[in-house]
Amino acid sequence: MKWLEELGANIIELVAQMGRMTVFLLRCICNLLIPPYNLSHIMQQIHFIGAASVFVIIFTGAFTGMVLGLQGYYSLSQFGSEAALGSAVGLSLIRELGPVLTALMVTGRAGSAICAEIGIMRNSEQIDALECMAIDPFRYLMVPKFLAGIICLPLLTSIFDVVGILGGFVVGVNLLGVNEGSYFHGMYKSVVWKDIYMGLVKSLCFGILIIWICASKGFFLHLEKSGGFGAEGVSRATTSAVVLSSVSILVWDYLITSMML
C-alpha cells in the first residue's frame, strides 16, 4: 500500500500548494488596491519586464508575421483568395498569436528571472528580514511586479501585433506580389473592435498569470516538497514556474476565447 500513501501525500501537497498560491494572489490583490505606491520600484519593474523585452518582442513578432504571410499566401492561393491575406494575418495575430507568443516570451525572459530573484531572496532570508523590520514583502516586492505586468503585457502585445502585420506585409506584398491595397483593405474590413478587445483582455490576464505563478513559486520555495533550499531548489522552482506559466497561458487562452467568441 506504499503507492497509495505516496499518491495521497502528493494529492495533499498539490492541494496545499494551490491553497498557498490562492492566498498569495488574494494578498497581492488586496495590497494592489491600497495606495500609496512606490513609483520608483514600479518604474524599475516596468523597465525590466517591458522595456527590456521590446527587442525580443519585435524580433519574434517580425518573423511570426513573415511566416504567417508566407504560409497564408500559399494556402489562400490554392483557392484564388490571395486578397484575403491581410485579414488572415491580422486576425491571427490580434486574436491569438500576439497575446500568446508575447506572454510566452515574457515568461521565458522576465518570469524566470522574477522566480529566481524571489527564490534567492527566500534562500538568503532577505524576505524574513523584511518581515522582521515590519515591511510587508507583498507590498514591497509583489505590488510593483504586478502593476508592471498589468501595464506592460498589453503594450508589448500591441507592439507584437503591429510588427507582425508589417512582417506579413513585407513577405506578402514585397516578395510574393499581393496587392498592397487589398492587403490593408481586407484587414480593415475584417478586424473589428471585438478582436482587438479580446487580444487586450488576454494579454492583461496573461500578465497577471505570469507574475502570480513565477513570484509565488519563488516566494514559497522553502515549502517545496522536492527540496527548496540551495541552488538546486532555485533551479527546480524556476523550471516549474516557467512550465506552469506556459501551460496556464495556453489553457486560459482557450477559456477566454470560448467565453468571448
C-alpha atoms as a PDB file:
ATOM      1  CA  MET A   1       0.000   0.000   0.000  1.00  0.00           C
ATOM      2  CA  LYS A   2       3.027   2.278  -0.176  1.00  0.00           C
ATOM      3  CA  TRP A   3       1.992   3.589  -3.588  1.00  0.00           C
ATOM      4  CA  LEU A   4      -1.363   4.612  -2.151  1.00  0.00           C
ATOM      5  CA  GLU A   5       0.362   6.529   0.645  1.00  0.00           C
ATOM      6  CA  GLU A   6       2.559   8.323  -1.884  1.00  0.00           C
ATOM      7  CA  LEU A   7      -0.470   9.151  -4.023  1.00  0.00           C
ATOM      8  CA  GLY A   8      -2.297  10.583  -1.013  1.00  0.00           C
ATOM      9  CA  ALA A   9       0.752  12.586   0.052  1.00  0.00           C
ATOM     10  CA  ASN A  10       1.125  14.025  -3.464  1.00  0.00           C
ATOM     11  CA  ILE A  11      -2.557  14.989  -3.591  1.00  0.00           C
ATOM     12  CA  ILE A  12      -2.331  16.673  -0.179  1.00  0.00           C
ATOM     13  CA  GLU A  13       0.794  18.548  -1.297  1.00  0.00           C
ATOM     14  CA  LEU A  14      -0.953  19.662  -4.509  1.00  0.00           C
ATOM     15  CA  VAL A  15      -3.991  20.936  -2.614  1.00  0.00           C
ATOM     16  CA  ALA A  16      -1.757  22.744  -0.103  1.00  0.00           C
ATOM     17  CA  GLN A  17       0.211  24.346  -2.928  1.00  0.00           C
ATOM     18  CA  MET A  18      -2.989  25.507  -4.643  1.00  0.00           C
ATOM     19  CA  GLY A  19      -4.179  26.989  -1.340  1.00  0.00           C
ATOM     20  CA  ARG A  20      -0.884  28.826  -0.793  1.00  0.00           C
ATOM     21  CA  MET A  21      -0.934  30.279  -4.282  1.00  0.00           C
ATOM     22  CA  THR A  22      -4.570  31.373  -3.940  1.00  0.00           C
ATOM     23  CA  VAL A  23      -3.885  33.147  -0.641  1.00  0.00           C
ATOM     24  CA  PHE A  24      -0.773  34.687  -2.230  1.00  0.00           C
ATOM     25  CA  LEU A  25      -2.847  36.107  -5.095  1.00  0.00           C
ATOM     26  CA  LEU A  26      -5.530  37.457  -2.758  1.00  0.00           C
ATOM     27  CA  ARG A  27      -2.942  39.217  -0.579  1.00  0.00           C
ATOM     28  CA  CYS A  28      -1.329  40.738  -3.665  1.00  0.00           C
ATOM     29  CA  ILE A  29      -4.707  41.983  -4.955  1.00  0.00           C
ATOM     30  CA  CYS A  30      -5.550  43.497  -1.555  1.00  0.00           C
ATOM     31  CA  ASN A  31      -2.237  45.366  -1.495  1.00  0.00           C
ATOM     32  CA  LEU A  32      -2.721  46.484  -5.110  1.00  0.00           C
ATOM     33  CA  LEU A  33      -5.888  48.321  -4.123  1.00  0.00           C
ATOM     34  CA  ILE A  34      -4.315  50.281  -1.271  1.00  0.00           C
ATOM     35  CA  PRO A  35      -2.289  53.421  -2.109  1.00  0.00           C
ATOM     36  CA  PRO A  36       0.270  54.943  -1.939  1.00  0.00           C
ATOM     37  CA  TYR A  37       2.556  53.200  -4.420  1.00  0.00           C
ATOM     38  CA  ASN A  38       6.332  53.223  -4.684  1.00  0.00           C
ATOM     39  CA  LEU A  39       6.730  54.777  -8.135  1.00  0.00           C
ATOM     40  CA  SER A  40      10.483  54.205  -8.332  1.00  0.00           C
ATOM     41  CA  HIS A  41      10.090  50.453  -7.778  1.00  0.00           C
ATOM     42  CA  ILE A  42       7.217  50.321 -10.266  1.00  0.00           C
ATOM     43  CA  MET A  43       9.293  52.102 -12.927  1.00  0.00           C
ATOM     44  CA  GLN A  44      12.195  49.710 -12.329  1.00  0.00           C
ATOM     45  CA  GLN A  45       9.895  46.737 -12.888  1.00  0.00           C
ATOM     46  CA  ILE A  46       8.315  48.346 -15.965  1.00  0.00           C
ATOM     47  CA  HIS A  47      11.806  48.775 -17.395  1.00  0.00           C
ATOM     48  CA  PHE A  48      12.753  45.191 -16.544  1.00  0.00           C
ATOM     49  CA  ILE A  49       9.559  43.482 -17.721  1.00  0.00           C
ATOM     50  CA  GLY A  50       8.577  45.855 -20.518  1.00  0.00           C
ATOM     51  CA  ALA A  51      11.388  47.932 -21.984  1.00  0.00           C
ATOM     52  CA  ALA A  52      13.997  45.173 -21.720  1.00  0.00           C
ATOM     53  CA  SER A  53      11.651  42.787 -23.574  1.00  0.00           C
ATOM     54  CA  VAL A  54      10.952  45.064 -26.541  1.00  0.00           C
ATOM     55  CA  PHE A  55      13.762  43.725 -28.736  1.00  0.00           C
ATOM     56  CA  VAL A  56      12.708  40.103 -28.186  1.00  0.00           C
ATOM     57  CA  ILE A  57       9.081  41.009 -28.912  1.00  0.00           C
ATOM     58  CA  ILE A  58       9.962  42.902 -32.105  1.00  0.00           C
ATOM     59  CA  PHE A  59      12.216  40.112 -33.359  1.00  0.00           C
ATOM     60  CA  THR A  60       9.670  37.379 -32.595  1.00  0.00           C
ATOM     61  CA  GLY A  61       6.749  39.419 -33.963  1.00  0.00           C
ATOM     62  CA  ALA A  62       8.527  40.192 -37.244  1.00  0.00           C
ATOM     63  CA  PHE A  63       9.329  36.582 -38.043  1.00  0.00           C
ATOM     64  CA  THR A  64       5.922  35.360 -36.851  1.00  0.00           C
ATOM     65  CA  GLY A  65       4.235  37.789 -39.251  1.00  0.00           C
ATOM     66  CA  MET A  66       6.580  36.772 -42.050  1.00  0.00           C
ATOM     67  CA  VAL A  67       5.815  33.095 -41.536  1.00  0.00           C
ATOM     68  CA  LEU A  68       2.077  33.840 -41.422  1.00  0.00           C
ATOM     69  CA  GLY A  69       2.371  35.831 -44.652  1.00  0.00           C
ATOM     70  CA  LEU A  70       4.264  33.038 -46.385  1.00  0.00           C
ATOM     71  CA  GLN A  71       2.064  30.179 -45.186  1.00  0.00           C
ATOM     72  CA  GLY A  72      -1.133  32.172 -45.636  1.00  0.00           C
ATOM     73  CA  TYR A  73      -0.257  33.130 -49.203  1.00  0.00           C
ATOM     74  CA  TYR A  74       0.370  29.556 -50.350  1.00  0.00           C
ATOM     75  CA  SER A  75      -2.761  28.312 -48.555  1.00  0.00           C
ATOM     76  CA  LEU A  76      -5.022  31.053 -49.941  1.00  0.00           C
ATOM     77  CA  SER A  77      -3.541  30.898 -53.432  1.00  0.00           C
ATOM     78  CA  GLN A  78      -4.957  27.393 -53.821  1.00  0.00           C
ATOM     79  CA  PHE A  79      -8.432  28.954 -53.718  1.00  0.00           C
ATOM     80  CA  GLY A  80      -7.598  32.172 -55.550  1.00  0.00           C
ATOM     81  CA  SER A  81      -8.059  34.222 -52.378  1.00  0.00           C
ATOM     82  CA  GLU A  82      -4.705  35.967 -52.061  1.00  0.00           C
ATOM     83  CA  ALA A  83      -6.534  39.249 -51.413  1.00  0.00           C
ATOM     84  CA  ALA A  84      -7.633  37.886 -48.016  1.00  0.00           C
ATOM     85  CA  LEU A  85      -4.033  37.586 -46.831  1.00  0.00           C
ATOM     86  CA  GLY A  86      -4.190  40.833 -44.825  1.00  0.00           C
ATOM     87  CA  SER A  87      -7.291  39.786 -42.899  1.00  0.00           C
ATOM     88  CA  ALA A  88      -5.832  36.325 -42.212  1.00  0.00           C
ATOM     89  CA  VAL A  89      -2.571  37.751 -40.852  1.00  0.00           C
ATOM     90  CA  GLY A  90      -4.285  40.488 -38.864  1.00  0.00           C
ATOM     91  CA  LEU A  91      -6.892  38.267 -37.227  1.00  0.00           C
ATOM     92  CA  SER A  92      -4.389  35.524 -36.411  1.00  0.00           C
ATOM     93  CA  LEU A  93      -2.018  37.962 -34.721  1.00  0.00           C
ATOM     94  CA  ILE A  94      -4.517  40.182 -32.921  1.00  0.00           C
ATOM     95  CA  ARG A  95      -6.747  37.405 -31.597  1.00  0.00           C
ATOM     96  CA  GLU A  96      -4.344  34.590 -30.803  1.00  0.00           C
ATOM     97  CA  LEU A  97      -0.674  34.650 -31.703  1.00  0.00           C
ATOM     98  CA  GLY A  98       0.079  38.167 -30.471  1.00  0.00           C
ATOM     99  CA  PRO A  99      -1.074  37.734 -26.851  1.00  0.00           C
ATOM    100  CA  VAL A 100       0.078  34.113 -26.547  1.00  0.00           C
ATOM    101  CA  LEU A 101       3.563  34.442 -28.030  1.00  0.00           C
ATOM    102  CA  THR A 102       4.172  37.731 -26.205  1.00  0.00           C
ATOM    103  CA  ALA A 103       3.242  36.095 -22.906  1.00  0.00           C
ATOM    104  CA  LEU A 104       5.464  33.078 -23.612  1.00  0.00           C
ATOM    105  CA  MET A 105       8.425  35.322 -24.486  1.00  0.00           C
ATOM    106  CA  VAL A 106       7.940  37.414 -21.339  1.00  0.00           C
ATOM    107  CA  THR A 107       7.656  34.224 -19.267  1.00  0.00           C
ATOM    108  CA  GLY A 108      10.967  32.944 -20.575  1.00  0.00           C
ATOM    109  CA  ARG A 109      12.784  36.263 -20.262  1.00  0.00           C
ATOM    110  CA  ALA A 110      11.277  38.016 -17.230  1.00  0.00           C
ATOM    111  CA  GLY A 111       9.166  35.410 -15.433  1.00  0.00           C
ATOM    112  CA  SER A 112      12.063  33.045 -14.881  1.00  0.00           C
ATOM    113  CA  ALA A 113      14.206  35.911 -13.563  1.00  0.00           C
ATOM    114  CA  ILE A 114      11.442  37.007 -11.160  1.00  0.00           C
ATOM    115  CA  CYS A 115      11.108  33.479  -9.779  1.00  0.00           C
ATOM    116  CA  ALA A 116      14.877  33.119  -9.352  1.00  0.00           C
ATOM    117  CA  GLU A 117      15.157  36.562  -7.718  1.00  0.00           C
ATOM    118  CA  ILE A 118      12.399  35.901  -5.172  1.00  0.00           C
ATOM    119  CA  GLY A 119      13.698  32.367  -4.578  1.00  0.00           C
ATOM    120  CA  ILE A 120      17.214  33.594  -3.839  1.00  0.00           C
ATOM    121  CA  MET A 121      15.782  36.235  -1.512  1.00  0.00           C
ATOM    122  CA  ARG A 122      13.909  33.477   0.318  1.00  0.00           C
ATOM    123  CA  ASN A 123      17.011  31.275   0.495  1.00  0.00           C
ATOM    124  CA  SER A 124      19.177  34.090   1.825  1.00  0.00           C
ATOM    125  CA  GLU A 125      16.473  35.067   4.355  1.00  0.00           C
ATOM    126  CA  GLN A 126      16.041  38.553   2.890  1.00  0.00           C
ATOM    127  CA  ILE A 127      12.253  38.128   2.910  1.00  0.00           C
ATOM    128  CA  ASP A 128      12.388  37.108   6.571  1.00  0.00           C
ATOM    129  CA  ALA A 129      14.489  40.210   7.257  1.00  0.00           C
ATOM    130  CA  LEU A 130      11.841  42.414   5.622  1.00  0.00           C
ATOM    131  CA  GLU A 131       9.180  40.886   7.854  1.00  0.00           C
ATOM    132  CA  CYS A 132      11.370  41.411  10.934  1.00  0.00           C
ATOM    133  CA  MET A 133      11.627  45.117  10.001  1.00  0.00           C
ATOM    134  CA  ALA A 134       7.803  45.289   9.729  1.00  0.00           C
ATOM    135  CA  ILE A 135       7.978  45.726   5.927  1.00  0.00           C
ATOM    136  CA  ASP A 136       5.235  43.829   4.120  1.00  0.00           C
ATOM    137  CA  PRO A 137       7.011  41.764   1.419  1.00  0.00           C
ATOM    138  CA  PHE A 138       3.809  41.649  -0.637  1.00  0.00           C
ATOM    139  CA  ARG A 139       3.595  45.426  -0.764  1.00  0.00           C
ATOM    140  CA  TYR A 140       7.335  45.987  -1.146  1.00  0.00           C
ATOM    141  CA  LEU A 141       8.160  43.201  -3.639  1.00  0.00           C
ATOM    142  CA  MET A 142       4.983  41.947  -5.312  1.00  0.00           C
ATOM    143  CA  VAL A 143       2.861  45.060  -5.936  1.00  0.00           C
ATOM    144  CA  PRO A 144       5.418  46.749  -8.285  1.00  0.00           C
ATOM    145  CA  LYS A 145       5.789  43.495 -10.242  1.00  0.00           C
ATOM    146  CA  PHE A 146       2.032  43.011 -10.595  1.00  0.00           C
ATOM    147  CA  LEU A 147       1.473  46.609 -11.682  1.00  0.00           C
ATOM    148  CA  ALA A 148       4.327  46.363 -14.182  1.00  0.00           C
ATOM    149  CA  GLY A 149       2.935  43.105 -15.592  1.00  0.00           C
ATOM    150  CA  ILE A 150      -0.551  44.601 -15.938  1.00  0.00           C
ATOM    151  CA  ILE A 151       0.837  47.685 -17.707  1.00  0.00           C
ATOM    152  CA  CYS A 152       3.495  46.061 -19.895  1.00  0.00           C
ATOM    153  CA  LEU A 153       1.807  42.963 -21.342  1.00  0.00           C
ATOM    154  CA  PRO A 154      -0.916  44.841 -23.296  1.00  0.00           C
ATOM    155  CA  LEU A 155       1.686  47.306 -24.604  1.00  0.00           C
ATOM    156  CA  LEU A 156       4.097  44.555 -25.641  1.00  0.00           C
ATOM    157  CA  THR A 157       1.237  42.666 -27.289  1.00  0.00           C
ATOM    158  CA  SER A 158       0.337  45.782 -29.290  1.00  0.00           C
ATOM    159  CA  ILE A 159       3.942  46.114 -30.454  1.00  0.00           C
ATOM    160  CA  PHE A 160       3.989  42.422 -31.396  1.00  0.00           C
ATOM    161  CA  ASP A 161       0.780  42.810 -33.437  1.00  0.00           C
ATOM    162  CA  VAL A 162       1.976  45.884 -35.342  1.00  0.00           C
ATOM    163  CA  VAL A 163       5.392  44.415 -36.132  1.00  0.00           C
ATOM    164  CA  GLY A 164       3.830  41.080 -37.124  1.00  0.00           C
ATOM    165  CA  ILE A 165       1.407  42.785 -39.510  1.00  0.00           C
ATOM    166  CA  LEU A 166       4.315  44.684 -41.078  1.00  0.00           C
ATOM    167  CA  GLY A 167       6.279  41.427 -41.368  1.00  0.00           C
ATOM    168  CA  GLY A 168       3.346  39.807 -43.195  1.00  0.00           C
ATOM    169  CA  PHE A 169       3.187  42.890 -45.433  1.00  0.00           C
ATOM    170  CA  VAL A 170       6.873  42.612 -46.356  1.00  0.00           C
ATOM    171  CA  VAL A 171       6.533  38.958 -47.363  1.00  0.00           C
ATOM    172  CA  GLY A 172       3.055  39.092 -48.915  1.00  0.00           C
ATOM    173  CA  VAL A 173       3.319  42.391 -50.805  1.00  0.00           C
ATOM    174  CA  ASN A 174       7.020  42.961 -51.458  1.00  0.00           C
ATOM    175  CA  LEU A 175       8.104  39.349 -52.026  1.00  0.00           C
ATOM    176  CA  LEU A 176       5.016  37.497 -53.252  1.00  0.00           C
ATOM    177  CA  GLY A 177       3.243  40.267 -55.146  1.00  0.00           C
ATOM    178  CA  VAL A 178      -0.032  40.625 -53.233  1.00  0.00           C
ATOM    179  CA  ASN A 179      -1.722  43.956 -53.922  1.00  0.00           C
ATOM    180  CA  GLU A 180      -0.877  46.498 -51.233  1.00  0.00           C
ATOM    181  CA  GLY A 181      -4.364  47.982 -51.166  1.00  0.00           C
ATOM    182  CA  SER A 182      -6.103  44.612 -50.865  1.00  0.00           C
ATOM    183  CA  TYR A 183      -3.786  43.603 -48.010  1.00  0.00           C
ATOM    184  CA  PHE A 184      -4.733  46.551 -45.813  1.00  0.00           C
ATOM    185  CA  HIS A 185      -8.309  46.871 -47.056  1.00  0.00           C
ATOM    186  CA  GLY A 186      -9.052  43.234 -46.206  1.00  0.00           C
ATOM    187  CA  MET A 187      -7.608  43.786 -42.742  1.00  0.00           C
ATOM    188  CA  TYR A 188      -9.611  46.982 -42.319  1.00  0.00           C
ATOM    189  CA  LYS A 189     -12.881  45.239 -43.268  1.00  0.00           C
ATOM    190  CA  SER A 190     -12.374  42.094 -41.161  1.00  0.00           C
ATOM    191  CA  VAL A 191     -10.691  43.285 -37.950  1.00  0.00           C
ATOM    192  CA  VAL A 192     -13.239  44.849 -35.587  1.00  0.00           C
ATOM    193  CA  TRP A 193     -13.021  46.269 -32.072  1.00  0.00           C
ATOM    194  CA  LYS A 194     -14.104  42.941 -30.558  1.00  0.00           C
ATOM    195  CA  ASP A 195     -10.951  41.284 -31.927  1.00  0.00           C
ATOM    196  CA  ILE A 196      -8.690  44.000 -30.504  1.00  0.00           C
ATOM    197  CA  TYR A 197     -10.552  43.904 -27.187  1.00  0.00           C
ATOM    198  CA  MET A 198     -10.119  40.113 -26.975  1.00  0.00           C
ATOM    199  CA  GLY A 199      -6.373  40.430 -27.522  1.00  0.00           C
ATOM    200  CA  LEU A 200      -6.047  43.118 -24.849  1.00  0.00           C
ATOM    201  CA  VAL A 201      -8.079  41.111 -22.316  1.00  0.00           C
ATOM    202  CA  LYS A 202      -5.930  38.053 -22.979  1.00  0.00           C
ATOM    203  CA  SER A 203      -2.690  39.993 -22.554  1.00  0.00           C
ATOM    204  CA  LEU A 204      -3.949  41.527 -19.305  1.00  0.00           C
ATOM    205  CA  CYS A 205      -4.869  38.109 -17.900  1.00  0.00           C
ATOM    206  CA  PHE A 206      -1.576  36.616 -19.056  1.00  0.00           C
ATOM    207  CA  GLY A 207       0.356  39.402 -17.336  1.00  0.00           C
ATOM    208  CA  ILE A 208      -1.345  38.622 -14.031  1.00  0.00           C
ATOM    209  CA  LEU A 209      -0.800  34.874 -14.528  1.00  0.00           C
ATOM    210  CA  ILE A 210       2.920  35.220 -15.246  1.00  0.00           C
ATOM    211  CA  ILE A 211       3.694  37.390 -12.222  1.00  0.00           C
ATOM    212  CA  TRP A 212       1.425  35.375  -9.929  1.00  0.00           C
ATOM    213  CA  ILE A 213       2.862  31.964 -10.762  1.00  0.00           C
ATOM    214  CA  CYS A 214       6.518  32.960 -11.046  1.00  0.00           C
ATOM    215  CA  ALA A 215       6.549  35.155  -7.926  1.00  0.00           C
ATOM    216  CA  SER A 216       4.638  32.641  -5.788  1.00  0.00           C
ATOM    217  CA  LYS A 217       6.928  29.778  -6.831  1.00  0.00           C
ATOM    218  CA  GLY A 218       9.922  31.763  -5.615  1.00  0.00           C
ATOM    219  CA  PHE A 219       8.159  33.061  -2.508  1.00  0.00           C
ATOM    220  CA  PHE A 220       7.196  29.575  -1.294  1.00  0.00           C
ATOM    221  CA  LEU A 221      10.480  27.991  -2.302  1.00  0.00           C
ATOM    222  CA  HIS A 222      11.162  26.816   1.269  1.00  0.00           C
ATOM    223  CA  LEU A 223       7.901  24.843   1.325  1.00  0.00           C
ATOM    224  CA  GLU A 224       8.541  22.862  -1.846  1.00  0.00           C
ATOM    225  CA  LYS A 225       8.463  19.118  -1.230  1.00  0.00           C
ATOM    226  CA  SER A 226      11.198  18.384  -3.769  1.00  0.00           C
ATOM    227  CA  GLY A 227      13.803  20.351  -1.822  1.00  0.00           C
ATOM    228  CA  GLY A 228      13.670  24.082  -1.648  1.00  0.00           C
ATOM    229  CA  PHE A 229      16.984  25.397  -0.398  1.00  0.00           C
ATOM    230  CA  GLY A 230      20.190  25.851  -2.321  1.00  0.00           C
ATOM    231  CA  ALA A 231      20.942  26.396  -5.984  1.00  0.00           C
ATOM    232  CA  GLU A 232      19.184  23.176  -6.991  1.00  0.00           C
ATOM    233  CA  GLY A 233      15.985  24.286  -5.275  1.00  0.00           C
ATOM    234  CA  VAL A 234      16.028  27.639  -7.074  1.00  0.00           C
ATOM    235  CA  SER A 235      16.615  25.958 -10.430  1.00  0.00           C
ATOM    236  CA  ARG A 236      13.766  23.494  -9.871  1.00  0.00           C
ATOM    237  CA  ALA A 237      11.388  26.250  -8.773  1.00  0.00           C
ATOM    238  CA  THR A 238      12.305  28.377 -11.796  1.00  0.00           C
ATOM    239  CA  THR A 239      11.783  25.473 -14.200  1.00  0.00           C
ATOM    240  CA  SER A 240       8.473  24.629 -12.564  1.00  0.00           C
ATOM    241  CA  ALA A 241       7.343  28.270 -12.733  1.00  0.00           C
ATOM    242  CA  VAL A 242       8.140  28.612 -16.449  1.00  0.00           C
ATOM    243  CA  VAL A 243       6.430  25.328 -17.345  1.00  0.00           C
ATOM    244  CA  LEU A 244       3.345  26.036 -15.227  1.00  0.00           C
ATOM    245  CA  SER A 245       3.081  29.605 -16.562  1.00  0.00           C
ATOM    246  CA  SER A 246       3.358  28.423 -20.178  1.00  0.00           C
ATOM    247  CA  VAL A 247       0.718  25.726 -19.727  1.00  0.00           C
ATOM    248  CA  SER A 248      -1.578  28.141 -17.863  1.00  0.00           C
ATOM    249  CA  ILE A 249      -1.266  30.679 -20.679  1.00  0.00           C
ATOM    250  CA  LEU A 250      -2.395  28.099 -23.250  1.00  0.00           C
ATOM    251  CA  VAL A 251      -5.266  26.878 -21.050  1.00  0.00           C
ATOM    252  CA  TRP A 252      -6.509  30.401 -20.304  1.00  0.00           C
ATOM    253  CA  ASP A 253      -6.163  31.321 -23.967  1.00  0.00           C
ATOM    254  CA  TYR A 254      -8.727  28.640 -24.782  1.00  0.00           C
ATOM    255  CA  LEU A 255     -11.002  29.599 -21.884  1.00  0.00           C
ATOM    256  CA  ILE A 256     -11.017  33.313 -22.723  1.00  0.00           C
ATOM    257  CA  THR A 257     -11.561  32.590 -26.413  1.00  0.00           C
ATOM    258  CA  SER A 258     -14.502  30.286 -25.668  1.00  0.00           C
ATOM    259  CA  MET A 259     -16.102  32.922 -23.424  1.00  0.00           C
ATOM    260  CA  MET A 260     -15.582  35.923 -25.723  1.00  0.00           C
ATOM    261  CA  LEU A 261     -16.319  34.491 -29.167  1.00  0.00           C
END
